[in-house]
N, C-alpha and C. Protein backbone atom coordinates (compact mmCIF):
# COMPACT_ATOMS: atom_id res chain seq x y z
N UNK A 1 -30.60 -35.63 -65.32
CA UNK A 1 -30.92 -34.22 -65.11
C UNK A 1 -30.09 -33.37 -66.05
N UNK A 2 -30.74 -32.47 -66.79
CA UNK A 2 -30.04 -31.52 -67.65
C UNK A 2 -30.06 -30.15 -66.98
N UNK A 3 -28.89 -29.58 -66.82
CA UNK A 3 -28.75 -28.29 -66.15
C UNK A 3 -27.97 -27.35 -67.04
N UNK A 4 -28.42 -26.13 -67.12
CA UNK A 4 -27.69 -25.10 -67.84
C UNK A 4 -26.63 -24.50 -66.93
N UNK A 5 -25.41 -24.48 -67.41
CA UNK A 5 -24.33 -23.79 -66.71
C UNK A 5 -24.26 -22.39 -67.30
N UNK A 6 -24.56 -21.40 -66.50
CA UNK A 6 -24.62 -20.03 -67.00
C UNK A 6 -23.26 -19.44 -67.25
N UNK A 7 -22.58 -19.93 -68.28
CA UNK A 7 -21.29 -19.40 -68.68
C UNK A 7 -21.13 -19.51 -70.19
N UNK A 8 -20.42 -18.54 -70.76
CA UNK A 8 -20.06 -18.59 -72.18
C UNK A 8 -18.61 -18.99 -72.37
N UNK A 9 -17.94 -19.32 -71.26
CA UNK A 9 -16.53 -19.69 -71.27
C UNK A 9 -16.40 -21.19 -71.53
N UNK A 10 -15.93 -21.61 -72.71
CA UNK A 10 -15.87 -23.04 -73.03
C UNK A 10 -14.91 -23.80 -72.12
N UNK A 11 -13.84 -23.16 -71.66
CA UNK A 11 -12.88 -23.83 -70.78
C UNK A 11 -13.53 -24.16 -69.44
N UNK A 12 -14.31 -23.24 -68.91
CA UNK A 12 -14.99 -23.49 -67.63
C UNK A 12 -16.05 -24.57 -67.79
N UNK A 13 -16.75 -24.56 -68.91
CA UNK A 13 -17.77 -25.57 -69.17
C UNK A 13 -17.14 -26.96 -69.24
N UNK A 14 -16.04 -27.10 -69.95
CA UNK A 14 -15.36 -28.39 -70.08
C UNK A 14 -14.87 -28.89 -68.73
N UNK A 15 -14.27 -28.00 -67.94
CA UNK A 15 -13.75 -28.41 -66.62
C UNK A 15 -14.87 -28.88 -65.70
N UNK A 16 -16.00 -28.18 -65.72
CA UNK A 16 -17.11 -28.57 -64.86
C UNK A 16 -17.69 -29.91 -65.31
N UNK A 17 -17.81 -30.11 -66.58
CA UNK A 17 -18.33 -31.39 -67.09
C UNK A 17 -17.43 -32.54 -66.64
N UNK A 18 -16.13 -32.37 -66.73
CA UNK A 18 -15.20 -33.43 -66.34
C UNK A 18 -15.33 -33.76 -64.85
N UNK A 19 -15.47 -32.73 -64.03
CA UNK A 19 -15.51 -32.95 -62.59
C UNK A 19 -16.83 -33.58 -62.13
N UNK A 20 -17.91 -33.35 -62.89
CA UNK A 20 -19.22 -33.85 -62.48
C UNK A 20 -19.66 -35.08 -63.26
N UNK A 21 -18.75 -35.65 -64.05
CA UNK A 21 -19.12 -36.75 -64.94
C UNK A 21 -19.69 -37.94 -64.17
N UNK A 22 -19.18 -38.20 -62.96
CA UNK A 22 -19.64 -39.36 -62.19
C UNK A 22 -21.04 -39.17 -61.61
N UNK A 23 -21.56 -37.96 -61.65
CA UNK A 23 -22.87 -37.68 -61.04
C UNK A 23 -24.02 -37.80 -62.04
N UNK A 24 -23.71 -38.14 -63.29
CA UNK A 24 -24.75 -38.31 -64.31
C UNK A 24 -25.61 -37.07 -64.50
N UNK A 25 -24.94 -35.92 -64.50
CA UNK A 25 -25.62 -34.67 -64.77
C UNK A 25 -25.24 -34.22 -66.18
N UNK A 26 -26.23 -33.94 -66.99
CA UNK A 26 -25.99 -33.45 -68.34
C UNK A 26 -25.91 -31.92 -68.27
N UNK A 27 -24.71 -31.39 -68.48
CA UNK A 27 -24.50 -29.95 -68.36
C UNK A 27 -24.36 -29.34 -69.75
N UNK A 28 -25.17 -28.33 -70.02
CA UNK A 28 -25.05 -27.59 -71.27
C UNK A 28 -24.65 -26.15 -70.95
N UNK A 29 -24.07 -25.48 -71.92
CA UNK A 29 -23.65 -24.10 -71.74
C UNK A 29 -24.54 -23.14 -72.50
N UNK A 30 -24.34 -21.88 -72.26
CA UNK A 30 -25.17 -20.86 -72.92
C UNK A 30 -25.08 -20.94 -74.44
N UNK A 31 -23.91 -21.26 -74.95
CA UNK A 31 -23.74 -21.30 -76.40
C UNK A 31 -24.40 -22.53 -77.03
N UNK A 32 -24.86 -23.49 -76.19
CA UNK A 32 -25.58 -24.65 -76.71
C UNK A 32 -27.04 -24.32 -76.99
N UNK A 33 -27.49 -23.17 -76.53
CA UNK A 33 -28.88 -22.77 -76.73
C UNK A 33 -29.00 -21.93 -77.98
N UNK A 34 -30.00 -22.20 -78.76
CA UNK A 34 -30.23 -21.41 -79.97
C UNK A 34 -31.16 -20.24 -79.64
N UNK A 35 -30.78 -19.50 -78.62
CA UNK A 35 -31.57 -18.36 -78.18
C UNK A 35 -30.64 -17.19 -77.89
N UNK A 36 -31.21 -16.01 -77.84
CA UNK A 36 -30.43 -14.82 -77.52
C UNK A 36 -30.01 -14.87 -76.06
N UNK A 37 -28.73 -14.69 -75.82
CA UNK A 37 -28.20 -14.73 -74.45
C UNK A 37 -28.26 -13.33 -73.86
N UNK A 38 -28.95 -13.16 -72.75
CA UNK A 38 -29.06 -11.81 -72.17
C UNK A 38 -27.71 -11.34 -71.63
N UNK A 39 -27.50 -10.05 -71.68
CA UNK A 39 -26.30 -9.44 -71.11
C UNK A 39 -26.57 -9.23 -69.62
N UNK A 40 -25.86 -9.97 -68.78
CA UNK A 40 -26.10 -9.90 -67.34
C UNK A 40 -24.96 -9.13 -66.69
N UNK A 41 -25.21 -7.93 -66.18
CA UNK A 41 -24.16 -7.18 -65.50
C UNK A 41 -23.82 -7.83 -64.17
N UNK A 42 -22.56 -7.87 -63.83
CA UNK A 42 -22.13 -8.44 -62.56
C UNK A 42 -21.78 -7.29 -61.63
N UNK A 43 -22.76 -6.90 -60.82
CA UNK A 43 -22.61 -5.72 -59.97
C UNK A 43 -22.39 -6.07 -58.50
N UNK A 44 -22.31 -7.36 -58.18
CA UNK A 44 -22.15 -7.77 -56.80
C UNK A 44 -20.78 -7.43 -56.23
N UNK A 45 -20.70 -7.37 -54.92
CA UNK A 45 -19.44 -7.09 -54.23
C UNK A 45 -18.74 -8.37 -53.78
N UNK A 46 -19.43 -9.50 -53.90
CA UNK A 46 -18.85 -10.78 -53.52
C UNK A 46 -19.11 -11.79 -54.64
N UNK A 47 -18.35 -12.88 -54.69
CA UNK A 47 -18.62 -13.92 -55.68
C UNK A 47 -20.04 -14.46 -55.59
N UNK A 48 -20.57 -14.61 -54.38
CA UNK A 48 -21.92 -15.16 -54.24
C UNK A 48 -22.97 -14.21 -54.81
N UNK A 49 -22.81 -12.92 -54.59
CA UNK A 49 -23.77 -11.96 -55.13
C UNK A 49 -23.76 -12.00 -56.66
N UNK A 50 -22.59 -12.14 -57.26
CA UNK A 50 -22.51 -12.22 -58.72
C UNK A 50 -23.08 -13.53 -59.25
N UNK A 51 -22.79 -14.64 -58.57
CA UNK A 51 -23.32 -15.94 -58.99
C UNK A 51 -24.85 -15.93 -58.93
N UNK A 52 -25.38 -15.33 -57.88
CA UNK A 52 -26.83 -15.24 -57.72
C UNK A 52 -27.45 -14.38 -58.82
N UNK A 53 -26.82 -13.27 -59.11
CA UNK A 53 -27.34 -12.35 -60.14
C UNK A 53 -27.40 -13.04 -61.50
N UNK A 54 -26.35 -13.79 -61.83
CA UNK A 54 -26.32 -14.48 -63.12
C UNK A 54 -27.36 -15.60 -63.17
N UNK A 55 -27.41 -16.42 -62.13
CA UNK A 55 -28.34 -17.56 -62.13
C UNK A 55 -29.79 -17.08 -62.22
N UNK A 56 -30.15 -16.06 -61.45
CA UNK A 56 -31.53 -15.54 -61.48
C UNK A 56 -31.89 -15.05 -62.88
N UNK A 57 -30.98 -14.30 -63.49
CA UNK A 57 -31.27 -13.72 -64.80
C UNK A 57 -31.35 -14.78 -65.90
N UNK A 58 -30.47 -15.79 -65.84
CA UNK A 58 -30.52 -16.84 -66.85
C UNK A 58 -31.75 -17.72 -66.67
N UNK A 59 -32.16 -17.95 -65.43
CA UNK A 59 -33.40 -18.71 -65.22
C UNK A 59 -34.59 -17.94 -65.78
N UNK A 60 -34.63 -16.66 -65.52
CA UNK A 60 -35.72 -15.83 -66.03
C UNK A 60 -35.77 -15.86 -67.56
N UNK A 61 -34.59 -15.89 -68.19
CA UNK A 61 -34.53 -15.86 -69.65
C UNK A 61 -34.88 -17.19 -70.28
N UNK A 62 -34.45 -18.30 -69.66
CA UNK A 62 -34.55 -19.61 -70.32
C UNK A 62 -35.52 -20.58 -69.65
N UNK A 63 -35.98 -20.27 -68.43
CA UNK A 63 -36.97 -21.08 -67.75
C UNK A 63 -36.58 -22.56 -67.68
N UNK A 64 -35.35 -22.81 -67.27
CA UNK A 64 -34.86 -24.18 -67.06
C UNK A 64 -33.87 -24.16 -65.91
N UNK A 65 -33.63 -25.31 -65.26
CA UNK A 65 -32.66 -25.33 -64.16
C UNK A 65 -31.30 -24.80 -64.61
N UNK A 66 -30.76 -23.89 -63.83
CA UNK A 66 -29.50 -23.25 -64.22
C UNK A 66 -28.65 -22.97 -62.98
N UNK A 67 -27.34 -23.10 -63.14
CA UNK A 67 -26.45 -22.66 -62.07
C UNK A 67 -25.40 -21.74 -62.66
N UNK A 68 -24.94 -20.83 -61.83
CA UNK A 68 -23.85 -19.95 -62.21
C UNK A 68 -22.83 -19.91 -61.08
N UNK A 69 -21.59 -19.70 -61.46
CA UNK A 69 -20.50 -19.62 -60.50
C UNK A 69 -19.80 -18.28 -60.64
N UNK A 70 -19.12 -17.88 -59.61
CA UNK A 70 -18.29 -16.69 -59.71
C UNK A 70 -17.13 -16.82 -58.75
N UNK A 71 -16.06 -16.10 -59.04
CA UNK A 71 -14.83 -16.19 -58.26
C UNK A 71 -14.31 -14.80 -57.93
N UNK A 72 -13.55 -14.74 -56.85
CA UNK A 72 -12.80 -13.54 -56.52
C UNK A 72 -11.35 -13.94 -56.26
N UNK A 73 -10.42 -13.13 -56.73
CA UNK A 73 -9.00 -13.42 -56.57
C UNK A 73 -8.43 -12.52 -55.47
N UNK A 74 -7.71 -13.13 -54.53
CA UNK A 74 -7.20 -12.39 -53.38
C UNK A 74 -5.73 -12.70 -53.17
N UNK A 75 -4.93 -11.66 -52.92
CA UNK A 75 -3.49 -11.79 -52.71
C UNK A 75 -3.12 -11.52 -51.26
N UNK A 76 -2.06 -12.15 -50.81
CA UNK A 76 -1.48 -11.81 -49.52
C UNK A 76 -0.52 -10.63 -49.70
N UNK A 77 -0.49 -9.74 -48.71
CA UNK A 77 0.55 -8.71 -48.62
C UNK A 77 0.61 -7.76 -49.81
N UNK A 78 -0.54 -7.33 -50.28
CA UNK A 78 -0.58 -6.23 -51.25
C UNK A 78 -1.57 -5.20 -50.73
N UNK A 79 -1.45 -3.94 -51.15
CA UNK A 79 -2.38 -2.92 -50.68
C UNK A 79 -3.83 -3.26 -51.05
N UNK A 80 -4.75 -2.81 -50.22
CA UNK A 80 -6.17 -3.11 -50.45
C UNK A 80 -6.65 -2.65 -51.82
N UNK A 81 -6.12 -1.52 -52.29
CA UNK A 81 -6.61 -1.01 -53.57
C UNK A 81 -6.07 -1.81 -54.76
N UNK A 82 -5.17 -2.77 -54.49
CA UNK A 82 -4.65 -3.65 -55.54
C UNK A 82 -5.42 -4.96 -55.59
N UNK A 83 -6.13 -5.30 -54.50
CA UNK A 83 -6.84 -6.57 -54.44
C UNK A 83 -7.86 -6.66 -55.57
N UNK A 84 -7.79 -7.67 -56.42
CA UNK A 84 -8.78 -7.80 -57.51
C UNK A 84 -10.17 -8.12 -57.00
N UNK A 85 -10.28 -9.06 -56.01
CA UNK A 85 -11.59 -9.49 -55.57
C UNK A 85 -12.39 -10.03 -56.74
N UNK A 86 -13.63 -9.57 -56.89
CA UNK A 86 -14.49 -10.05 -57.99
C UNK A 86 -14.15 -9.35 -59.31
N UNK A 87 -13.26 -8.37 -59.26
CA UNK A 87 -12.92 -7.61 -60.48
C UNK A 87 -11.61 -8.11 -61.09
N UNK A 88 -11.49 -9.41 -61.26
CA UNK A 88 -10.26 -10.01 -61.76
C UNK A 88 -9.92 -9.49 -63.15
N UNK A 89 -10.93 -9.35 -63.97
CA UNK A 89 -10.69 -8.96 -65.37
C UNK A 89 -10.91 -7.46 -65.61
N UNK A 90 -11.39 -6.75 -64.61
CA UNK A 90 -11.68 -5.33 -64.78
C UNK A 90 -10.74 -4.50 -63.92
N UNK A 91 -9.95 -3.67 -64.56
CA UNK A 91 -8.96 -2.85 -63.88
C UNK A 91 -9.11 -1.41 -64.33
N UNK A 92 -9.30 -0.52 -63.34
CA UNK A 92 -9.43 0.92 -63.63
C UNK A 92 -10.51 1.19 -64.68
N UNK A 93 -11.62 0.46 -64.56
CA UNK A 93 -12.75 0.68 -65.45
C UNK A 93 -12.63 0.04 -66.81
N UNK A 94 -11.58 -0.73 -67.04
CA UNK A 94 -11.38 -1.37 -68.34
C UNK A 94 -11.47 -2.89 -68.21
N UNK A 95 -12.16 -3.52 -69.15
CA UNK A 95 -12.21 -4.98 -69.20
C UNK A 95 -11.01 -5.49 -69.98
N UNK A 96 -10.17 -6.28 -69.33
CA UNK A 96 -8.93 -6.73 -69.93
C UNK A 96 -9.12 -7.97 -70.79
N UNK A 97 -8.41 -8.03 -71.89
CA UNK A 97 -8.33 -9.25 -72.69
C UNK A 97 -7.45 -10.25 -71.96
N UNK A 98 -7.41 -11.49 -72.43
CA UNK A 98 -6.54 -12.50 -71.81
C UNK A 98 -5.08 -12.03 -71.80
N UNK A 99 -4.63 -11.48 -72.90
CA UNK A 99 -3.23 -11.03 -73.00
C UNK A 99 -2.97 -9.85 -72.07
N UNK A 100 -3.93 -8.94 -71.96
CA UNK A 100 -3.78 -7.80 -71.05
C UNK A 100 -3.76 -8.25 -69.60
N UNK A 101 -4.54 -9.28 -69.27
CA UNK A 101 -4.51 -9.82 -67.91
C UNK A 101 -3.12 -10.36 -67.58
N UNK A 102 -2.55 -11.06 -68.53
CA UNK A 102 -1.22 -11.63 -68.33
C UNK A 102 -0.21 -10.53 -68.04
N UNK A 103 -0.24 -9.46 -68.80
CA UNK A 103 0.69 -8.36 -68.61
C UNK A 103 0.45 -7.65 -67.28
N UNK A 104 -0.80 -7.44 -66.94
CA UNK A 104 -1.12 -6.72 -65.70
C UNK A 104 -0.67 -7.50 -64.47
N UNK A 105 -1.03 -8.77 -64.41
CA UNK A 105 -0.72 -9.54 -63.19
C UNK A 105 0.75 -9.93 -63.11
N UNK A 106 1.40 -10.15 -64.21
CA UNK A 106 2.85 -10.39 -64.16
C UNK A 106 3.56 -9.12 -63.71
N UNK A 107 3.00 -7.97 -64.09
CA UNK A 107 3.56 -6.69 -63.63
C UNK A 107 3.41 -6.50 -62.14
N UNK A 108 2.25 -6.91 -61.58
CA UNK A 108 2.07 -6.84 -60.13
C UNK A 108 3.08 -7.73 -59.41
N UNK A 109 3.28 -8.94 -59.95
CA UNK A 109 4.23 -9.86 -59.34
C UNK A 109 5.66 -9.33 -59.44
N UNK A 110 5.96 -8.62 -60.51
CA UNK A 110 7.28 -8.00 -60.67
C UNK A 110 7.47 -6.89 -59.64
N UNK A 111 6.41 -6.15 -59.38
CA UNK A 111 6.49 -5.02 -58.46
C UNK A 111 6.54 -5.45 -57.00
N UNK A 112 5.68 -6.41 -56.64
CA UNK A 112 5.53 -6.79 -55.23
C UNK A 112 6.24 -8.10 -54.87
N UNK A 113 6.85 -8.75 -55.85
CA UNK A 113 7.40 -10.08 -55.63
C UNK A 113 6.31 -11.10 -55.94
N UNK A 114 6.72 -12.34 -56.20
CA UNK A 114 5.73 -13.37 -56.51
C UNK A 114 4.59 -13.34 -55.49
N UNK A 115 3.36 -13.36 -55.98
CA UNK A 115 2.19 -13.14 -55.14
C UNK A 115 1.56 -14.45 -54.69
N UNK A 116 1.36 -14.59 -53.38
CA UNK A 116 0.58 -15.73 -52.88
C UNK A 116 -0.89 -15.39 -53.04
N UNK A 117 -1.60 -16.26 -53.76
CA UNK A 117 -2.98 -15.94 -54.16
C UNK A 117 -3.91 -17.10 -53.84
N UNK A 118 -5.20 -16.81 -53.84
CA UNK A 118 -6.21 -17.85 -53.73
C UNK A 118 -7.50 -17.31 -54.33
N UNK A 119 -8.33 -18.24 -54.80
CA UNK A 119 -9.65 -17.88 -55.32
C UNK A 119 -10.71 -18.24 -54.28
N UNK A 120 -11.64 -17.33 -54.04
CA UNK A 120 -12.84 -17.64 -53.29
C UNK A 120 -13.96 -17.82 -54.32
N UNK A 121 -14.67 -18.94 -54.22
CA UNK A 121 -15.65 -19.31 -55.24
C UNK A 121 -17.05 -19.46 -54.65
N UNK A 122 -18.03 -19.22 -55.48
CA UNK A 122 -19.42 -19.35 -55.05
C UNK A 122 -20.26 -19.93 -56.17
N UNK A 123 -21.42 -20.48 -55.81
CA UNK A 123 -22.35 -21.06 -56.80
C UNK A 123 -23.78 -20.78 -56.38
N UNK A 124 -24.63 -20.56 -57.35
CA UNK A 124 -26.07 -20.43 -57.12
C UNK A 124 -26.78 -21.30 -58.15
N UNK A 125 -27.68 -22.16 -57.69
CA UNK A 125 -28.46 -23.05 -58.55
C UNK A 125 -29.93 -22.72 -58.40
N UNK A 126 -30.59 -22.41 -59.50
CA UNK A 126 -32.02 -22.13 -59.50
C UNK A 126 -32.71 -23.27 -60.24
N UNK A 127 -33.41 -24.12 -59.49
CA UNK A 127 -34.17 -25.21 -60.10
C UNK A 127 -35.49 -24.69 -60.64
N UNK A 128 -36.16 -23.91 -59.81
CA UNK A 128 -37.39 -23.21 -60.19
C UNK A 128 -37.56 -22.07 -59.19
N UNK A 129 -38.67 -21.38 -59.25
CA UNK A 129 -38.85 -20.20 -58.41
C UNK A 129 -38.87 -20.53 -56.92
N UNK A 130 -39.26 -21.75 -56.61
CA UNK A 130 -39.37 -22.14 -55.20
C UNK A 130 -38.14 -22.88 -54.67
N UNK A 131 -37.27 -23.32 -55.56
CA UNK A 131 -36.13 -24.14 -55.14
C UNK A 131 -34.83 -23.51 -55.63
N UNK A 132 -34.18 -22.80 -54.72
CA UNK A 132 -32.94 -22.10 -55.03
C UNK A 132 -31.90 -22.49 -53.98
N UNK A 133 -30.73 -22.89 -54.45
CA UNK A 133 -29.68 -23.34 -53.56
C UNK A 133 -28.39 -22.58 -53.89
N UNK A 134 -27.67 -22.18 -52.86
CA UNK A 134 -26.44 -21.43 -53.11
C UNK A 134 -25.43 -21.71 -52.00
N UNK A 135 -24.18 -21.47 -52.31
CA UNK A 135 -23.11 -21.73 -51.33
C UNK A 135 -21.87 -20.94 -51.70
N UNK A 136 -21.15 -20.56 -50.66
CA UNK A 136 -19.80 -19.99 -50.79
C UNK A 136 -19.02 -20.50 -49.59
N UNK A 137 -18.57 -21.74 -49.70
CA UNK A 137 -17.97 -22.46 -48.59
C UNK A 137 -16.44 -22.46 -48.68
N UNK A 138 -15.75 -22.60 -47.54
CA UNK A 138 -14.29 -22.73 -47.58
C UNK A 138 -13.82 -23.88 -48.46
N UNK A 139 -14.63 -24.96 -48.55
CA UNK A 139 -14.26 -26.12 -49.38
C UNK A 139 -14.28 -25.78 -50.87
N UNK A 140 -14.87 -24.65 -51.21
CA UNK A 140 -14.90 -24.21 -52.60
C UNK A 140 -13.72 -23.30 -52.94
N UNK A 141 -12.98 -22.89 -51.91
CA UNK A 141 -11.82 -22.03 -52.17
C UNK A 141 -10.68 -22.84 -52.76
N UNK A 142 -9.90 -22.19 -53.59
CA UNK A 142 -8.72 -22.86 -54.13
C UNK A 142 -7.65 -22.94 -53.05
N UNK A 143 -6.71 -23.87 -53.22
CA UNK A 143 -5.52 -23.85 -52.41
C UNK A 143 -4.71 -22.62 -52.78
N UNK A 144 -3.92 -22.13 -51.84
CA UNK A 144 -3.06 -21.00 -52.16
C UNK A 144 -2.07 -21.41 -53.25
N UNK A 145 -1.76 -20.47 -54.11
CA UNK A 145 -0.81 -20.71 -55.20
C UNK A 145 -0.04 -19.42 -55.44
N UNK A 146 0.93 -19.48 -56.32
CA UNK A 146 1.77 -18.33 -56.61
C UNK A 146 1.42 -17.74 -57.98
N UNK A 147 1.27 -16.43 -58.04
CA UNK A 147 1.25 -15.72 -59.31
C UNK A 147 2.67 -15.21 -59.54
N UNK A 148 3.33 -15.74 -60.55
CA UNK A 148 4.72 -15.41 -60.81
C UNK A 148 4.85 -14.23 -61.77
N UNK A 149 6.01 -13.61 -61.75
CA UNK A 149 6.25 -12.49 -62.66
C UNK A 149 6.60 -12.95 -64.06
N UNK A 150 7.08 -14.18 -64.17
CA UNK A 150 7.46 -14.71 -65.48
C UNK A 150 6.46 -15.79 -65.91
N UNK A 151 5.90 -15.67 -67.10
CA UNK A 151 4.96 -16.69 -67.58
C UNK A 151 5.65 -18.00 -67.88
N UNK A 152 4.85 -19.05 -68.01
CA UNK A 152 5.37 -20.36 -68.37
C UNK A 152 6.18 -20.27 -69.66
N UNK A 153 7.18 -21.12 -69.77
CA UNK A 153 8.14 -21.05 -70.88
C UNK A 153 7.50 -21.21 -72.26
N UNK A 154 6.34 -21.90 -72.32
CA UNK A 154 5.73 -22.07 -73.66
C UNK A 154 5.03 -20.80 -74.14
N UNK A 155 4.79 -19.87 -73.20
CA UNK A 155 4.26 -18.58 -73.59
C UNK A 155 2.84 -18.58 -74.11
N UNK A 156 2.17 -19.72 -74.04
CA UNK A 156 0.81 -19.84 -74.57
C UNK A 156 -0.19 -19.40 -73.50
N UNK A 157 -1.12 -18.57 -73.90
CA UNK A 157 -2.18 -18.14 -72.99
C UNK A 157 -3.41 -19.00 -73.25
N UNK A 158 -3.82 -19.78 -72.24
CA UNK A 158 -4.97 -20.67 -72.40
C UNK A 158 -6.26 -19.85 -72.38
N UNK A 159 -7.01 -19.90 -73.46
CA UNK A 159 -8.24 -19.13 -73.56
C UNK A 159 -9.21 -19.52 -72.45
N UNK A 160 -9.68 -18.53 -71.71
CA UNK A 160 -10.60 -18.79 -70.61
C UNK A 160 -9.92 -18.87 -69.26
N UNK A 161 -8.65 -19.29 -69.24
CA UNK A 161 -7.88 -19.37 -68.01
C UNK A 161 -6.52 -18.72 -68.21
N UNK A 162 -6.47 -17.43 -68.53
CA UNK A 162 -5.19 -16.80 -68.87
C UNK A 162 -4.17 -16.80 -67.74
N UNK A 163 -4.64 -16.73 -66.48
CA UNK A 163 -3.69 -16.64 -65.39
C UNK A 163 -3.00 -17.97 -65.08
N UNK A 164 -3.49 -19.06 -65.66
CA UNK A 164 -2.79 -20.35 -65.50
C UNK A 164 -1.36 -20.26 -66.02
N UNK A 165 -1.11 -19.37 -66.95
CA UNK A 165 0.23 -19.19 -67.53
C UNK A 165 1.21 -18.64 -66.50
N UNK A 166 0.67 -17.97 -65.46
CA UNK A 166 1.50 -17.39 -64.40
C UNK A 166 1.41 -18.16 -63.09
N UNK A 167 0.48 -19.11 -63.01
CA UNK A 167 0.16 -19.77 -61.73
C UNK A 167 1.09 -20.94 -61.45
N UNK A 168 1.58 -20.98 -60.21
CA UNK A 168 2.53 -22.01 -59.79
C UNK A 168 1.99 -22.73 -58.56
N UNK A 169 1.97 -24.05 -58.60
CA UNK A 169 1.56 -24.87 -57.46
C UNK A 169 2.61 -24.77 -56.37
N UNK A 170 2.22 -24.37 -55.17
CA UNK A 170 3.18 -24.15 -54.09
C UNK A 170 3.85 -25.45 -53.65
N UNK A 171 3.08 -26.54 -53.58
CA UNK A 171 3.63 -27.81 -53.08
C UNK A 171 4.70 -28.38 -54.01
N UNK A 172 4.47 -28.28 -55.31
CA UNK A 172 5.37 -28.92 -56.26
C UNK A 172 6.32 -27.95 -56.95
N UNK A 173 5.99 -26.65 -56.91
CA UNK A 173 6.79 -25.68 -57.63
C UNK A 173 6.57 -25.70 -59.13
N UNK A 174 5.55 -26.47 -59.57
CA UNK A 174 5.26 -26.57 -61.00
C UNK A 174 4.25 -25.52 -61.43
N UNK A 175 4.46 -24.99 -62.63
CA UNK A 175 3.42 -24.16 -63.23
C UNK A 175 2.19 -25.04 -63.47
N UNK A 176 1.03 -24.39 -63.44
CA UNK A 176 -0.20 -25.14 -63.71
C UNK A 176 -0.14 -25.83 -65.06
N UNK A 177 0.53 -25.22 -66.01
CA UNK A 177 0.64 -25.82 -67.34
C UNK A 177 1.39 -27.14 -67.32
N UNK A 178 2.15 -27.40 -66.26
CA UNK A 178 2.93 -28.63 -66.17
C UNK A 178 2.27 -29.70 -65.30
N UNK A 179 1.09 -29.38 -64.75
CA UNK A 179 0.37 -30.35 -63.94
C UNK A 179 -0.33 -31.37 -64.83
N UNK A 180 -0.51 -32.58 -64.30
CA UNK A 180 -1.28 -33.59 -65.03
C UNK A 180 -2.71 -33.10 -65.20
N UNK A 181 -3.37 -33.59 -66.24
CA UNK A 181 -4.72 -33.11 -66.56
C UNK A 181 -5.68 -33.29 -65.40
N UNK A 182 -5.58 -34.43 -64.70
CA UNK A 182 -6.47 -34.69 -63.57
C UNK A 182 -6.24 -33.68 -62.45
N UNK A 183 -4.96 -33.34 -62.19
CA UNK A 183 -4.65 -32.35 -61.16
C UNK A 183 -5.19 -30.98 -61.56
N UNK A 184 -5.08 -30.65 -62.82
CA UNK A 184 -5.52 -29.35 -63.30
C UNK A 184 -7.04 -29.22 -63.22
N UNK A 185 -7.75 -30.31 -63.49
CA UNK A 185 -9.21 -30.30 -63.37
C UNK A 185 -9.64 -30.00 -61.94
N UNK A 186 -8.90 -30.57 -60.97
CA UNK A 186 -9.22 -30.33 -59.57
C UNK A 186 -8.94 -28.89 -59.18
N UNK A 187 -7.91 -28.31 -59.78
CA UNK A 187 -7.61 -26.91 -59.53
C UNK A 187 -8.72 -26.02 -60.08
N UNK A 188 -9.22 -26.37 -61.26
CA UNK A 188 -10.24 -25.56 -61.93
C UNK A 188 -11.60 -25.65 -61.23
N UNK A 189 -11.94 -26.82 -60.70
CA UNK A 189 -13.23 -27.03 -60.04
C UNK A 189 -12.97 -27.76 -58.73
N UNK A 190 -13.03 -27.04 -57.62
CA UNK A 190 -12.67 -27.61 -56.33
C UNK A 190 -13.70 -28.63 -55.85
N UNK A 191 -13.27 -29.45 -54.88
CA UNK A 191 -14.12 -30.53 -54.37
C UNK A 191 -15.43 -30.01 -53.79
N UNK A 192 -15.43 -28.78 -53.30
CA UNK A 192 -16.64 -28.22 -52.71
C UNK A 192 -17.80 -28.17 -53.68
N UNK A 193 -17.50 -28.02 -54.99
CA UNK A 193 -18.57 -28.01 -55.99
C UNK A 193 -19.16 -29.41 -56.14
N UNK A 194 -18.32 -30.44 -56.06
CA UNK A 194 -18.83 -31.80 -56.10
C UNK A 194 -19.76 -32.06 -54.92
N UNK A 195 -19.34 -31.64 -53.73
CA UNK A 195 -20.17 -31.82 -52.54
C UNK A 195 -21.51 -31.09 -52.69
N UNK A 196 -21.47 -29.91 -53.27
CA UNK A 196 -22.70 -29.13 -53.47
C UNK A 196 -23.69 -29.91 -54.32
N UNK A 197 -23.22 -30.47 -55.43
CA UNK A 197 -24.13 -31.18 -56.33
C UNK A 197 -24.56 -32.53 -55.76
N UNK A 198 -23.69 -33.19 -55.01
CA UNK A 198 -24.09 -34.45 -54.36
C UNK A 198 -25.25 -34.19 -53.41
N UNK A 199 -25.14 -33.15 -52.60
CA UNK A 199 -26.21 -32.80 -51.67
C UNK A 199 -27.47 -32.41 -52.42
N UNK A 200 -27.30 -31.72 -53.51
CA UNK A 200 -28.44 -31.30 -54.32
C UNK A 200 -29.19 -32.50 -54.88
N UNK A 201 -28.45 -33.49 -55.39
CA UNK A 201 -29.09 -34.68 -55.93
C UNK A 201 -29.81 -35.49 -54.86
N UNK A 202 -29.28 -35.48 -53.64
CA UNK A 202 -29.91 -36.21 -52.55
C UNK A 202 -31.23 -35.57 -52.12
N UNK A 203 -31.41 -34.31 -52.46
CA UNK A 203 -32.66 -33.61 -52.11
C UNK A 203 -33.75 -33.84 -53.15
N UNK A 204 -33.36 -34.42 -54.30
CA UNK A 204 -34.33 -34.61 -55.39
C UNK A 204 -34.74 -36.08 -55.50
């Protein structure tokens, strides 16, 4: 089965391919298509609404099975107006670059103390007009982790995952940059996504 992953983020595409390799799914990204990629506004208030909006629009544009994912970032013990939610990269009406994200979130951690955070994730898969599957399950949420005020010592911002430079695993106290590759893949794509696709394959 060949499925389009509705993302232009190469880091996310690579992580998803690694996690789904055992399922024999051929995943391609938007940049693998020699077609004009539509600009899809993400106007939803939840990760699932955004995932649905992207998947529907990419299916309409390319007429092939497609899935899209979306995430919201949530902190413990910060004011509601500081919560990023689905607007992780958009602050005060501005879309932040990777470097600007690093500065903004390290500044929040400096102000409020290291932040306990988690991602809520969602997925929508459109096989065709009659077969649409979606989920936003607790098993798709990330484990809680820390957003620190000081970036990892190497100072490198990973393109596509800029906040990994500030993210610390609570159990081990290690920055994400110091985790083994297999551990990092699991952080990037939670087990709930594997369960989603296993169930999907069993229906076909």
